Amino acid sequence: MNPKNIEEKEINDIHSKLLDRYGQPEEPKDLTGAEYLVETILSQNTNDKNRDKAFNNLQEKYDNWEEVEDSPVEELTDTVRVAGLGPTKAERIQKALKIIRESEKGDKTYSIEFLEKMDVEEGKKWLTDIPGIGPKTAAVILCFHFQKPVIPVDTHVHRIAQRFGLVPENCSRNRTHEILETIVPDQIKYSLHILLIKHGRKTCKSRHHLDNQNCFERCRHYQEVVKGDKKPNEVV
């Protein structure tokens, strides 16, 4: 069901215009499934720069995931502290690694490649059963590593989807995720995800719209602020 009655042509048109503006998105990084899982845990509530620093700290300090799982939690906390929420993320990483190891009969390969054989919903359920792994984190792993037809929804994707009228105003992020997975064609889910993030970072920010000249006409900010009389902080 399409809750907003958005036609596929509209989605493809948005995608095409974003491609014209920002270019073809780069391919996902070449990481293992376990690396994506740990990286996405580190990315929660922080920026890419601090996430990458924390991930590099892990790679420099530990030779393998077994060492990370067995590390004293205080040591692991210090290692990833730059990403924020150090104690929480250290605990989540070790729990996730334990679950992965046990799912592979304890052979310490720390591989989640078995998710490739699962359909999207099975993969989501397996991942979100891990403490601290929510729908967005699961979608990143399935989309970026396994090239499954899912679309991760972060704060930028959520905001732009609302402003473009793809989802209702004041829609929850989880509901936005459900709607976008329904209305966005499978073949452009990854690309549109990346392009919406770029648009949210470069042009259509939350409180401070950076470039009114490059604002899309269908955007609520354009209609209510650029052409209307509302102030930017009055628009979701």
Foldseek 3Di string as FASTA:
>chain_A
DQPLPDAQVVLVVVLVLLCVVPNFDDAFDPDALLLLLLLLLLQPPADPVLSVQLSVLVVVPDPALVCLLPPDLVVQLVSSPSSPPSSVSSVLSNQLQVVQCVVVVNPRPSHPVVCLPPALVVQQVVQVVRPSQDNLSSQCSCCRPNVHQFARFDPQNVQQCPQLSSDDPPDDRVVVRVNCSVRHDSVCRVRVNVSSVCCCVQAVDQQDGDDLPPDDCSGNCCVPPVVHPDHSNVGD
